[in-house]
N, C-alpha and C. Protein backbone atom coordinates (compact mmCIF):
# COMPACT_ATOMS: atom_id res chain seq x y z
N MET A 1 0.83 -1.19 0.00
CA MET A 1 0.00 0.00 0.00
C MET A 1 0.87 1.25 0.00
N ASP A 2 0.38 2.27 -0.64
CA ASP A 2 1.05 3.56 -0.67
C ASP A 2 0.61 4.38 0.55
N SER A 3 1.48 5.22 1.05
CA SER A 3 1.20 5.94 2.29
C SER A 3 0.52 7.29 2.11
N LYS A 4 0.23 7.70 0.88
CA LYS A 4 -0.29 9.05 0.64
C LYS A 4 -1.60 9.32 1.37
N ARG A 5 -2.53 8.36 1.34
CA ARG A 5 -3.82 8.57 2.04
C ARG A 5 -3.61 8.67 3.53
N LEU A 6 -2.76 7.83 4.09
CA LEU A 6 -2.49 7.87 5.53
C LEU A 6 -1.86 9.21 5.91
N GLU A 7 -0.93 9.69 5.10
CA GLU A 7 -0.30 10.98 5.39
C GLU A 7 -1.30 12.12 5.30
N ALA A 8 -2.17 12.10 4.30
CA ALA A 8 -3.18 13.16 4.16
C ALA A 8 -4.16 13.12 5.33
N PHE A 9 -4.57 11.93 5.72
CA PHE A 9 -5.48 11.80 6.86
C PHE A 9 -4.81 12.33 8.14
N THR A 10 -3.58 11.94 8.35
CA THR A 10 -2.84 12.40 9.54
C THR A 10 -2.70 13.92 9.53
N ASP A 11 -2.37 14.50 8.38
CA ASP A 11 -2.27 15.95 8.27
C ASP A 11 -3.59 16.62 8.65
N GLY A 12 -4.69 16.06 8.18
CA GLY A 12 -6.01 16.62 8.49
C GLY A 12 -6.34 16.53 9.96
N VAL A 13 -6.07 15.38 10.56
CA VAL A 13 -6.35 15.21 11.99
C VAL A 13 -5.49 16.16 12.82
N VAL A 14 -4.23 16.28 12.50
CA VAL A 14 -3.34 17.19 13.24
C VAL A 14 -3.83 18.63 13.10
N ALA A 15 -4.26 19.03 11.90
CA ALA A 15 -4.78 20.38 11.71
C ALA A 15 -6.03 20.62 12.56
N ILE A 16 -6.89 19.63 12.65
CA ILE A 16 -8.10 19.76 13.47
C ILE A 16 -7.73 19.85 14.95
N ILE A 17 -6.78 19.03 15.39
CA ILE A 17 -6.34 19.06 16.79
C ILE A 17 -5.82 20.45 17.15
N ILE A 18 -4.99 21.02 16.31
CA ILE A 18 -4.44 22.35 16.58
C ILE A 18 -5.55 23.40 16.56
N THR A 19 -6.48 23.26 15.65
CA THR A 19 -7.61 24.20 15.59
C THR A 19 -8.44 24.13 16.86
N ILE A 20 -8.74 22.94 17.32
CA ILE A 20 -9.52 22.79 18.55
C ILE A 20 -8.76 23.38 19.73
N MET A 21 -7.45 23.15 19.78
CA MET A 21 -6.66 23.70 20.89
C MET A 21 -6.77 25.22 20.92
N VAL A 22 -6.65 25.88 19.79
CA VAL A 22 -6.67 27.35 19.78
C VAL A 22 -8.08 27.87 20.02
N LEU A 23 -9.09 27.18 19.54
CA LEU A 23 -10.47 27.63 19.76
C LEU A 23 -10.88 27.52 21.23
N ASP A 24 -10.21 26.64 21.97
CA ASP A 24 -10.52 26.48 23.39
C ASP A 24 -9.88 27.55 24.27
N LEU A 25 -9.00 28.37 23.69
CA LEU A 25 -8.38 29.43 24.49
C LEU A 25 -9.44 30.47 24.86
N LYS A 26 -9.44 30.86 26.12
CA LYS A 26 -10.40 31.85 26.60
C LYS A 26 -9.83 33.25 26.42
N VAL A 27 -10.68 34.17 26.04
CA VAL A 27 -10.29 35.56 25.88
C VAL A 27 -10.27 36.21 27.26
N PRO A 28 -9.28 37.06 27.55
CA PRO A 28 -9.24 37.74 28.85
C PRO A 28 -10.48 38.60 29.05
N MET A 29 -10.87 38.78 30.31
CA MET A 29 -12.06 39.56 30.64
C MET A 29 -11.86 41.05 30.36
N GLY A 30 -10.68 41.58 30.60
CA GLY A 30 -10.42 43.01 30.40
C GLY A 30 -9.76 43.28 29.07
N GLY A 31 -9.51 44.56 28.81
CA GLY A 31 -8.93 44.95 27.55
C GLY A 31 -7.47 45.33 27.59
N SER A 32 -6.83 45.23 28.76
CA SER A 32 -5.42 45.60 28.83
C SER A 32 -4.52 44.38 28.73
N LEU A 33 -3.26 44.63 28.43
CA LEU A 33 -2.31 43.52 28.36
C LEU A 33 -2.13 42.85 29.71
N LEU A 34 -2.32 43.58 30.80
CA LEU A 34 -2.22 42.98 32.14
C LEU A 34 -3.30 41.92 32.35
N ASP A 35 -4.45 42.11 31.70
CA ASP A 35 -5.53 41.13 31.82
C ASP A 35 -5.15 39.79 31.18
N LEU A 36 -4.17 39.83 30.30
CA LEU A 36 -3.69 38.61 29.66
C LEU A 36 -3.05 37.66 30.67
N GLY A 37 -2.60 38.21 31.80
CA GLY A 37 -1.98 37.40 32.85
C GLY A 37 -2.87 36.27 33.35
N GLN A 38 -4.18 36.49 33.35
CA GLN A 38 -5.08 35.45 33.81
C GLN A 38 -5.11 34.25 32.86
N CYS A 39 -4.66 34.47 31.64
CA CYS A 39 -4.65 33.40 30.64
C CYS A 39 -3.31 32.68 30.54
N LEU A 40 -2.32 33.14 31.26
CA LEU A 40 -0.97 32.57 31.10
C LEU A 40 -0.90 31.06 31.35
N PRO A 41 -1.57 30.52 32.39
CA PRO A 41 -1.46 29.06 32.57
C PRO A 41 -1.96 28.26 31.37
N VAL A 42 -3.10 28.63 30.82
CA VAL A 42 -3.61 27.88 29.68
C VAL A 42 -2.80 28.19 28.42
N LEU A 43 -2.26 29.40 28.31
CA LEU A 43 -1.39 29.69 27.18
C LEU A 43 -0.11 28.86 27.23
N LEU A 44 0.41 28.63 28.43
CA LEU A 44 1.58 27.77 28.58
C LEU A 44 1.25 26.34 28.14
N ALA A 45 0.10 25.82 28.59
CA ALA A 45 -0.31 24.47 28.19
C ALA A 45 -0.51 24.40 26.68
N TYR A 46 -1.10 25.46 26.11
CA TYR A 46 -1.29 25.51 24.66
C TYR A 46 0.05 25.50 23.93
N LEU A 47 0.98 26.33 24.40
CA LEU A 47 2.29 26.40 23.77
C LEU A 47 3.00 25.05 23.80
N LEU A 48 3.02 24.43 24.98
CA LEU A 48 3.66 23.11 25.11
C LEU A 48 2.99 22.09 24.18
N SER A 49 1.68 22.13 24.15
CA SER A 49 0.92 21.16 23.35
C SER A 49 1.09 21.41 21.86
N PHE A 50 1.07 22.68 21.46
CA PHE A 50 1.27 23.02 20.06
C PHE A 50 2.63 22.52 19.59
N ILE A 51 3.65 22.76 20.39
CA ILE A 51 5.00 22.30 20.02
C ILE A 51 5.03 20.77 19.96
N ASN A 52 4.42 20.11 20.94
CA ASN A 52 4.39 18.65 20.93
C ASN A 52 3.70 18.11 19.69
N VAL A 53 2.51 18.60 19.40
CA VAL A 53 1.77 18.12 18.23
C VAL A 53 2.56 18.44 16.96
N GLY A 54 3.15 19.64 16.90
CA GLY A 54 3.96 20.01 15.74
C GLY A 54 5.17 19.11 15.55
N LEU A 55 5.81 18.74 16.66
CA LEU A 55 6.95 17.83 16.57
C LEU A 55 6.53 16.46 16.05
N TYR A 56 5.39 15.95 16.53
CA TYR A 56 4.90 14.67 16.01
C TYR A 56 4.62 14.77 14.51
N TRP A 57 3.97 15.86 14.10
CA TRP A 57 3.64 16.04 12.68
C TRP A 57 4.92 16.09 11.84
N ASN A 58 5.88 16.86 12.29
CA ASN A 58 7.14 17.01 11.56
C ASN A 58 7.87 15.67 11.44
N ASN A 59 8.02 14.98 12.55
CA ASN A 59 8.74 13.70 12.52
C ASN A 59 7.96 12.63 11.76
N HIS A 60 6.64 12.68 11.84
CA HIS A 60 5.79 11.75 11.09
C HIS A 60 6.07 11.92 9.59
N HIS A 61 6.19 13.14 9.15
CA HIS A 61 6.50 13.43 7.74
C HIS A 61 7.81 12.75 7.34
N HIS A 62 8.83 12.87 8.19
CA HIS A 62 10.12 12.24 7.88
C HIS A 62 10.02 10.72 7.83
N LEU A 63 9.24 10.13 8.74
CA LEU A 63 9.08 8.68 8.73
C LEU A 63 8.60 8.19 7.37
N PHE A 64 7.59 8.87 6.85
CA PHE A 64 6.96 8.39 5.63
C PHE A 64 7.72 8.81 4.37
N LYS A 65 8.62 9.78 4.49
CA LYS A 65 9.51 10.09 3.38
C LYS A 65 10.47 8.93 3.15
N LEU A 66 10.87 8.29 4.25
CA LEU A 66 11.82 7.18 4.15
C LEU A 66 11.15 5.87 3.77
N ASN A 67 9.90 5.69 4.15
CA ASN A 67 9.22 4.42 3.92
C ASN A 67 7.81 4.64 3.40
N PRO A 68 7.67 4.76 2.09
CA PRO A 68 6.33 5.00 1.55
C PRO A 68 5.43 3.76 1.56
N LYS A 69 6.00 2.57 1.78
CA LYS A 69 5.22 1.33 1.78
C LYS A 69 4.64 1.10 3.17
N ILE A 70 3.33 0.85 3.24
CA ILE A 70 2.67 0.61 4.53
C ILE A 70 1.80 -0.64 4.43
N ASP A 71 1.35 -1.10 5.59
CA ASP A 71 0.42 -2.22 5.67
C ASP A 71 -0.57 -1.94 6.80
N GLY A 72 -1.38 -2.93 7.12
CA GLY A 72 -2.40 -2.77 8.16
C GLY A 72 -1.81 -2.44 9.52
N ARG A 73 -0.66 -3.00 9.86
CA ARG A 73 -0.03 -2.69 11.15
C ARG A 73 0.29 -1.20 11.26
N VAL A 74 0.78 -0.63 10.17
CA VAL A 74 1.12 0.79 10.16
C VAL A 74 -0.15 1.62 10.32
N LEU A 75 -1.20 1.24 9.62
CA LEU A 75 -2.47 1.98 9.73
C LEU A 75 -2.97 2.00 11.18
N TRP A 76 -2.97 0.85 11.83
CA TRP A 76 -3.47 0.77 13.21
C TRP A 76 -2.57 1.48 14.20
N ALA A 77 -1.28 1.35 14.02
CA ALA A 77 -0.34 2.06 14.91
C ALA A 77 -0.52 3.57 14.76
N ASN A 78 -0.68 4.03 13.53
CA ASN A 78 -0.88 5.45 13.28
C ASN A 78 -2.20 5.93 13.90
N LEU A 79 -3.25 5.13 13.80
CA LEU A 79 -4.52 5.49 14.44
C LEU A 79 -4.37 5.56 15.96
N PHE A 80 -3.59 4.67 16.53
CA PHE A 80 -3.33 4.71 17.97
C PHE A 80 -2.66 6.03 18.33
N LEU A 81 -1.66 6.44 17.56
CA LEU A 81 -0.99 7.72 17.77
C LEU A 81 -1.99 8.87 17.67
N LEU A 82 -2.79 8.89 16.62
CA LEU A 82 -3.74 9.99 16.42
C LEU A 82 -4.81 10.04 17.51
N PHE A 83 -5.23 8.88 18.00
CA PHE A 83 -6.22 8.86 19.08
C PHE A 83 -5.69 9.63 20.29
N TRP A 84 -4.46 9.32 20.69
CA TRP A 84 -3.91 9.98 21.88
C TRP A 84 -3.62 11.46 21.61
N LEU A 85 -3.18 11.80 20.43
CA LEU A 85 -2.98 13.21 20.11
C LEU A 85 -4.31 13.97 20.13
N SER A 86 -5.38 13.29 19.72
CA SER A 86 -6.69 13.95 19.69
C SER A 86 -7.21 14.27 21.09
N LEU A 87 -6.64 13.65 22.11
CA LEU A 87 -7.04 13.94 23.49
C LEU A 87 -6.29 15.11 24.10
N VAL A 88 -5.29 15.63 23.41
CA VAL A 88 -4.51 16.76 23.93
C VAL A 88 -5.40 17.97 24.24
N PRO A 89 -6.33 18.38 23.35
CA PRO A 89 -7.18 19.52 23.71
C PRO A 89 -8.00 19.28 24.98
N PHE A 90 -8.44 18.06 25.19
CA PHE A 90 -9.20 17.72 26.39
C PHE A 90 -8.37 17.92 27.65
N VAL A 91 -7.15 17.41 27.65
CA VAL A 91 -6.33 17.55 28.86
C VAL A 91 -5.88 18.99 29.08
N ILE A 92 -5.74 19.76 28.00
CA ILE A 92 -5.44 21.19 28.17
C ILE A 92 -6.60 21.86 28.90
N ARG A 93 -7.82 21.57 28.48
CA ARG A 93 -8.99 22.16 29.15
C ARG A 93 -9.04 21.75 30.61
N TRP A 94 -8.70 20.48 30.88
CA TRP A 94 -8.71 20.00 32.26
C TRP A 94 -7.63 20.70 33.09
N LEU A 95 -6.46 20.84 32.52
CA LEU A 95 -5.39 21.57 33.22
C LEU A 95 -5.86 22.98 33.57
N ASP A 96 -6.49 23.64 32.62
CA ASP A 96 -6.95 25.01 32.84
C ASP A 96 -8.05 25.07 33.89
N SER A 97 -9.05 24.22 33.75
CA SER A 97 -10.20 24.31 34.67
C SER A 97 -9.86 23.83 36.07
N SER A 98 -8.83 23.03 36.23
CA SER A 98 -8.46 22.51 37.55
C SER A 98 -7.27 23.24 38.16
N ASP A 99 -6.82 24.30 37.49
CA ASP A 99 -5.67 25.06 37.96
C ASP A 99 -4.44 24.16 38.09
N TYR A 100 -4.20 23.37 37.04
CA TYR A 100 -3.05 22.45 36.99
C TYR A 100 -3.05 21.47 38.17
N SER A 101 -4.19 20.87 38.41
CA SER A 101 -4.28 19.90 39.51
C SER A 101 -3.34 18.73 39.26
N THR A 102 -3.07 18.00 40.32
CA THR A 102 -2.19 16.83 40.23
C THR A 102 -2.72 15.82 39.22
N GLY A 103 -4.02 15.53 39.32
CA GLY A 103 -4.61 14.54 38.41
C GLY A 103 -4.55 14.98 36.96
N ALA A 104 -4.85 16.25 36.70
CA ALA A 104 -4.82 16.76 35.33
C ALA A 104 -3.39 16.78 34.79
N THR A 105 -2.44 17.14 35.66
CA THR A 105 -1.04 17.16 35.23
C THR A 105 -0.56 15.75 34.90
N ALA A 106 -0.95 14.77 35.71
CA ALA A 106 -0.60 13.38 35.42
C ALA A 106 -1.30 12.90 34.14
N ALA A 107 -2.57 13.28 33.98
CA ALA A 107 -3.31 12.87 32.78
C ALA A 107 -2.68 13.44 31.52
N TYR A 108 -2.19 14.67 31.62
CA TYR A 108 -1.50 15.29 30.48
C TYR A 108 -0.30 14.41 30.10
N GLY A 109 0.46 13.97 31.09
CA GLY A 109 1.60 13.10 30.83
C GLY A 109 1.20 11.74 30.28
N ILE A 110 0.08 11.21 30.78
CA ILE A 110 -0.40 9.92 30.28
C ILE A 110 -0.76 10.03 28.80
N VAL A 111 -1.48 11.10 28.44
CA VAL A 111 -1.86 11.30 27.04
C VAL A 111 -0.61 11.47 26.16
N LEU A 112 0.33 12.32 26.60
CA LEU A 112 1.55 12.51 25.81
C LEU A 112 2.39 11.23 25.77
N GLY A 113 2.44 10.51 26.89
CA GLY A 113 3.20 9.26 26.94
C GLY A 113 2.62 8.20 26.01
N LEU A 114 1.29 8.11 25.99
CA LEU A 114 0.67 7.13 25.10
C LEU A 114 0.79 7.55 23.63
N ALA A 115 0.81 8.86 23.37
CA ALA A 115 1.10 9.33 22.01
C ALA A 115 2.52 8.92 21.62
N ALA A 116 3.45 9.05 22.56
CA ALA A 116 4.84 8.63 22.29
C ALA A 116 4.91 7.13 22.00
N ILE A 117 4.13 6.36 22.74
CA ILE A 117 4.07 4.91 22.46
C ILE A 117 3.49 4.69 21.06
N GLY A 118 2.46 5.46 20.70
CA GLY A 118 1.87 5.35 19.36
C GLY A 118 2.87 5.67 18.27
N TYR A 119 3.68 6.68 18.49
CA TYR A 119 4.70 7.05 17.51
C TYR A 119 5.74 5.93 17.42
N PHE A 120 6.16 5.42 18.57
CA PHE A 120 7.13 4.32 18.61
C PHE A 120 6.58 3.09 17.88
N LEU A 121 5.30 2.78 18.12
CA LEU A 121 4.67 1.63 17.45
C LEU A 121 4.58 1.86 15.94
N THR A 122 4.32 3.10 15.55
CA THR A 122 4.28 3.43 14.12
C THR A 122 5.65 3.21 13.48
N GLU A 123 6.70 3.66 14.17
CA GLU A 123 8.06 3.41 13.68
C GLU A 123 8.31 1.91 13.52
N ARG A 124 7.98 1.15 14.57
CA ARG A 124 8.25 -0.29 14.54
C ARG A 124 7.43 -0.97 13.45
N ALA A 125 6.17 -0.54 13.25
CA ALA A 125 5.33 -1.14 12.20
C ALA A 125 5.89 -0.83 10.82
N LEU A 126 6.40 0.39 10.64
CA LEU A 126 7.02 0.75 9.36
C LEU A 126 8.27 -0.10 9.11
N ILE A 127 9.06 -0.30 10.14
CA ILE A 127 10.27 -1.13 10.00
C ILE A 127 9.88 -2.57 9.67
N ALA A 128 8.85 -3.08 10.35
CA ALA A 128 8.40 -4.45 10.08
C ALA A 128 7.89 -4.58 8.64
N CYS A 129 7.22 -3.55 8.15
CA CYS A 129 6.66 -3.57 6.80
C CYS A 129 7.76 -3.43 5.74
N ASN A 130 8.76 -2.61 6.01
CA ASN A 130 9.79 -2.30 5.02
C ASN A 130 11.09 -3.07 5.22
N GLY A 131 11.21 -3.78 6.33
CA GLY A 131 12.39 -4.61 6.57
C GLY A 131 13.41 -3.95 7.48
N THR A 132 14.17 -4.79 8.19
CA THR A 132 15.16 -4.29 9.13
C THR A 132 16.35 -3.62 8.43
N GLY A 133 16.47 -3.83 7.14
CA GLY A 133 17.51 -3.16 6.38
C GLY A 133 17.02 -1.88 5.72
N SER A 134 15.79 -1.48 6.03
CA SER A 134 15.21 -0.28 5.41
C SER A 134 15.96 0.97 5.83
N ARG A 135 15.75 2.01 5.06
CA ARG A 135 16.40 3.29 5.37
C ARG A 135 15.98 3.81 6.74
N LEU A 136 14.70 3.63 7.09
CA LEU A 136 14.23 4.08 8.40
C LEU A 136 14.94 3.33 9.51
N SER A 137 15.03 2.02 9.39
CA SER A 137 15.69 1.22 10.41
C SER A 137 17.14 1.64 10.59
N ARG A 138 17.82 1.84 9.49
CA ARG A 138 19.22 2.27 9.56
C ARG A 138 19.35 3.66 10.17
N ALA A 139 18.42 4.57 9.82
CA ALA A 139 18.48 5.94 10.34
C ALA A 139 18.21 5.98 11.84
N LEU A 140 17.27 5.19 12.31
CA LEU A 140 16.91 5.23 13.73
C LEU A 140 17.97 4.59 14.61
N GLY A 141 18.60 3.58 14.11
CA GLY A 141 19.59 2.87 14.94
C GLY A 141 18.93 2.37 16.21
N THR A 142 19.51 2.71 17.36
CA THR A 142 18.93 2.27 18.64
C THR A 142 17.78 3.15 19.08
N ASP A 143 17.53 4.25 18.38
CA ASP A 143 16.45 5.19 18.67
C ASP A 143 16.48 5.67 20.11
N TRP A 144 17.61 6.23 20.50
CA TRP A 144 17.78 6.70 21.87
C TRP A 144 16.79 7.81 22.22
N LYS A 145 16.42 8.63 21.23
CA LYS A 145 15.46 9.70 21.51
C LYS A 145 14.08 9.13 21.82
N GLY A 146 13.64 8.19 21.02
CA GLY A 146 12.32 7.58 21.24
C GLY A 146 12.25 6.85 22.56
N ARG A 147 13.26 6.07 22.84
CA ARG A 147 13.29 5.32 24.10
C ARG A 147 13.45 6.26 25.30
N GLY A 148 14.27 7.29 25.15
CA GLY A 148 14.44 8.27 26.22
C GLY A 148 13.16 9.01 26.53
N THR A 149 12.39 9.31 25.49
CA THR A 149 11.10 9.97 25.66
C THR A 149 10.17 9.10 26.51
N LEU A 150 10.11 7.83 26.19
CA LEU A 150 9.24 6.91 26.95
C LEU A 150 9.67 6.84 28.42
N VAL A 151 10.97 6.83 28.66
CA VAL A 151 11.49 6.79 30.04
C VAL A 151 11.11 8.07 30.79
N ILE A 152 11.26 9.22 30.13
CA ILE A 152 10.92 10.49 30.80
C ILE A 152 9.44 10.54 31.14
N TYR A 153 8.58 10.14 30.21
CA TYR A 153 7.14 10.15 30.51
C TYR A 153 6.80 9.15 31.63
N ALA A 154 7.44 7.99 31.60
CA ALA A 154 7.19 6.98 32.65
C ALA A 154 7.58 7.52 34.02
N ALA A 155 8.60 8.35 34.07
CA ALA A 155 9.01 8.96 35.35
C ALA A 155 8.12 10.14 35.70
N ALA A 156 7.73 10.94 34.70
CA ALA A 156 6.98 12.18 34.95
C ALA A 156 5.59 11.92 35.51
N ILE A 157 4.94 10.88 35.06
CA ILE A 157 3.55 10.64 35.48
C ILE A 157 3.45 10.42 36.99
N PRO A 158 4.22 9.50 37.57
CA PRO A 158 4.14 9.39 39.05
C PRO A 158 4.70 10.62 39.76
N LEU A 159 5.68 11.30 39.14
CA LEU A 159 6.22 12.51 39.75
C LEU A 159 5.17 13.62 39.85
N ALA A 160 4.17 13.58 38.99
CA ALA A 160 3.10 14.58 39.04
C ALA A 160 2.38 14.54 40.38
N PHE A 161 2.36 13.38 41.03
CA PHE A 161 1.68 13.25 42.32
C PHE A 161 2.55 13.75 43.47
N ILE A 162 3.83 13.96 43.18
CA ILE A 162 4.74 14.54 44.17
C ILE A 162 4.82 16.06 43.96
N SER A 163 5.05 16.46 42.70
CA SER A 163 5.13 17.87 42.35
C SER A 163 4.72 18.04 40.90
N ARG A 164 3.65 18.75 40.67
CA ARG A 164 3.19 18.96 39.30
C ARG A 164 4.23 19.74 38.49
N TRP A 165 5.03 20.58 39.17
CA TRP A 165 6.03 21.39 38.47
C TRP A 165 7.21 20.53 38.01
N ILE A 166 7.55 19.50 38.77
CA ILE A 166 8.59 18.57 38.32
C ILE A 166 8.10 17.82 37.09
N ALA A 167 6.83 17.39 37.12
CA ALA A 167 6.26 16.69 35.97
C ALA A 167 6.26 17.59 34.74
N ILE A 168 5.85 18.84 34.93
CA ILE A 168 5.83 19.78 33.80
C ILE A 168 7.25 20.01 33.28
N ALA A 169 8.21 20.07 34.17
CA ALA A 169 9.61 20.20 33.74
C ALA A 169 10.03 18.99 32.91
N CYS A 170 9.57 17.80 33.29
CA CYS A 170 9.86 16.60 32.49
C CYS A 170 9.22 16.70 31.11
N TYR A 171 7.97 17.19 31.06
CA TYR A 171 7.31 17.34 29.76
C TYR A 171 8.07 18.33 28.88
N MET A 172 8.59 19.37 29.51
CA MET A 172 9.39 20.35 28.77
C MET A 172 10.73 19.76 28.33
N ALA A 173 11.27 18.85 29.13
CA ALA A 173 12.53 18.18 28.76
C ALA A 173 12.34 17.34 27.50
N VAL A 174 11.18 16.69 27.38
CA VAL A 174 10.90 15.92 26.17
C VAL A 174 10.86 16.85 24.96
N ILE A 175 10.20 17.99 25.11
CA ILE A 175 10.15 18.96 24.01
C ILE A 175 11.57 19.39 23.64
N ALA A 176 12.39 19.69 24.64
CA ALA A 176 13.76 20.11 24.37
C ALA A 176 14.54 19.01 23.64
N LEU A 177 14.32 17.76 24.06
CA LEU A 177 14.99 16.63 23.42
C LEU A 177 14.66 16.55 21.94
N TRP A 178 13.41 16.77 21.60
CA TRP A 178 12.99 16.66 20.20
C TRP A 178 13.13 17.97 19.43
N PHE A 179 13.17 19.09 20.14
CA PHE A 179 13.31 20.37 19.48
C PHE A 179 14.71 20.54 18.90
N ILE A 180 15.67 19.91 19.55
CA ILE A 180 17.04 19.91 19.03
C ILE A 180 17.01 19.11 17.73
N PRO A 181 17.43 19.70 16.64
CA PRO A 181 17.32 19.00 15.35
C PRO A 181 17.95 17.62 15.38
N ASP A 182 17.20 16.67 14.88
CA ASP A 182 17.64 15.29 14.78
C ASP A 182 17.94 15.02 13.31
N ARG A 183 19.17 14.92 12.99
CA ARG A 183 19.59 14.78 11.60
C ARG A 183 19.54 13.33 11.09
N ARG A 184 19.23 12.38 11.98
CA ARG A 184 19.26 10.98 11.54
C ARG A 184 18.35 10.75 10.33
N LEU A 185 17.09 11.16 10.44
CA LEU A 185 16.15 10.92 9.35
C LEU A 185 16.42 11.85 8.17
N ALA A 186 16.67 13.13 8.46
CA ALA A 186 16.92 14.10 7.39
C ALA A 186 18.15 13.70 6.57
N ASN A 187 19.19 13.25 7.23
CA ASN A 187 20.40 12.83 6.51
C ASN A 187 20.11 11.63 5.60
N MET A 188 19.29 10.72 6.08
CA MET A 188 18.95 9.55 5.27
C MET A 188 18.08 9.95 4.07
N ILE A 189 17.20 10.92 4.28
CA ILE A 189 16.35 11.40 3.17
C ILE A 189 17.19 12.09 2.12
N GLU A 190 18.13 12.93 2.57
CA GLU A 190 18.99 13.68 1.65
C GLU A 190 20.01 12.79 0.95
N GLY A 191 20.43 11.72 1.65
CA GLY A 191 21.49 10.87 1.11
C GLY A 191 20.94 9.80 0.30
């Protein structure tokens, strides 16, 4: 199977997720810039989430540039990823309405962690479909970034019950890990 329909569907779902996230932002009650301060917590959650969703979209693009051949395993793994990404607007609303409660902060990590598992499963399904000698398999190598992400989320979720700020720092660490350009896939695409 060709991956074009899956990529177009994923692009559409990601666009809808980002649209829902921005539409859920509340307008400040007053008209001054100081009134914007009341929105800072949800704006922070939006910023983190926008970057996270954008990073998944960007890296998803690179995955399919290297491996255009897909099968049913890839379709299901990708749907698993999209399901968890589609819950990001929900947990942002919960974070906002609960004033970053412990439960909401942990749930945010659970959703992001399961999205990371979905991305990891999508990678593995693509490798299984295209072979262990595929360009993707060679580019990923041991996939220290993917595995490190899963470890950070696994630690952050229980840490949310100790300190929500430590958990949020862990979520930001994942963003930093992926925000640093990863040339593994890009180099394989260019080469």
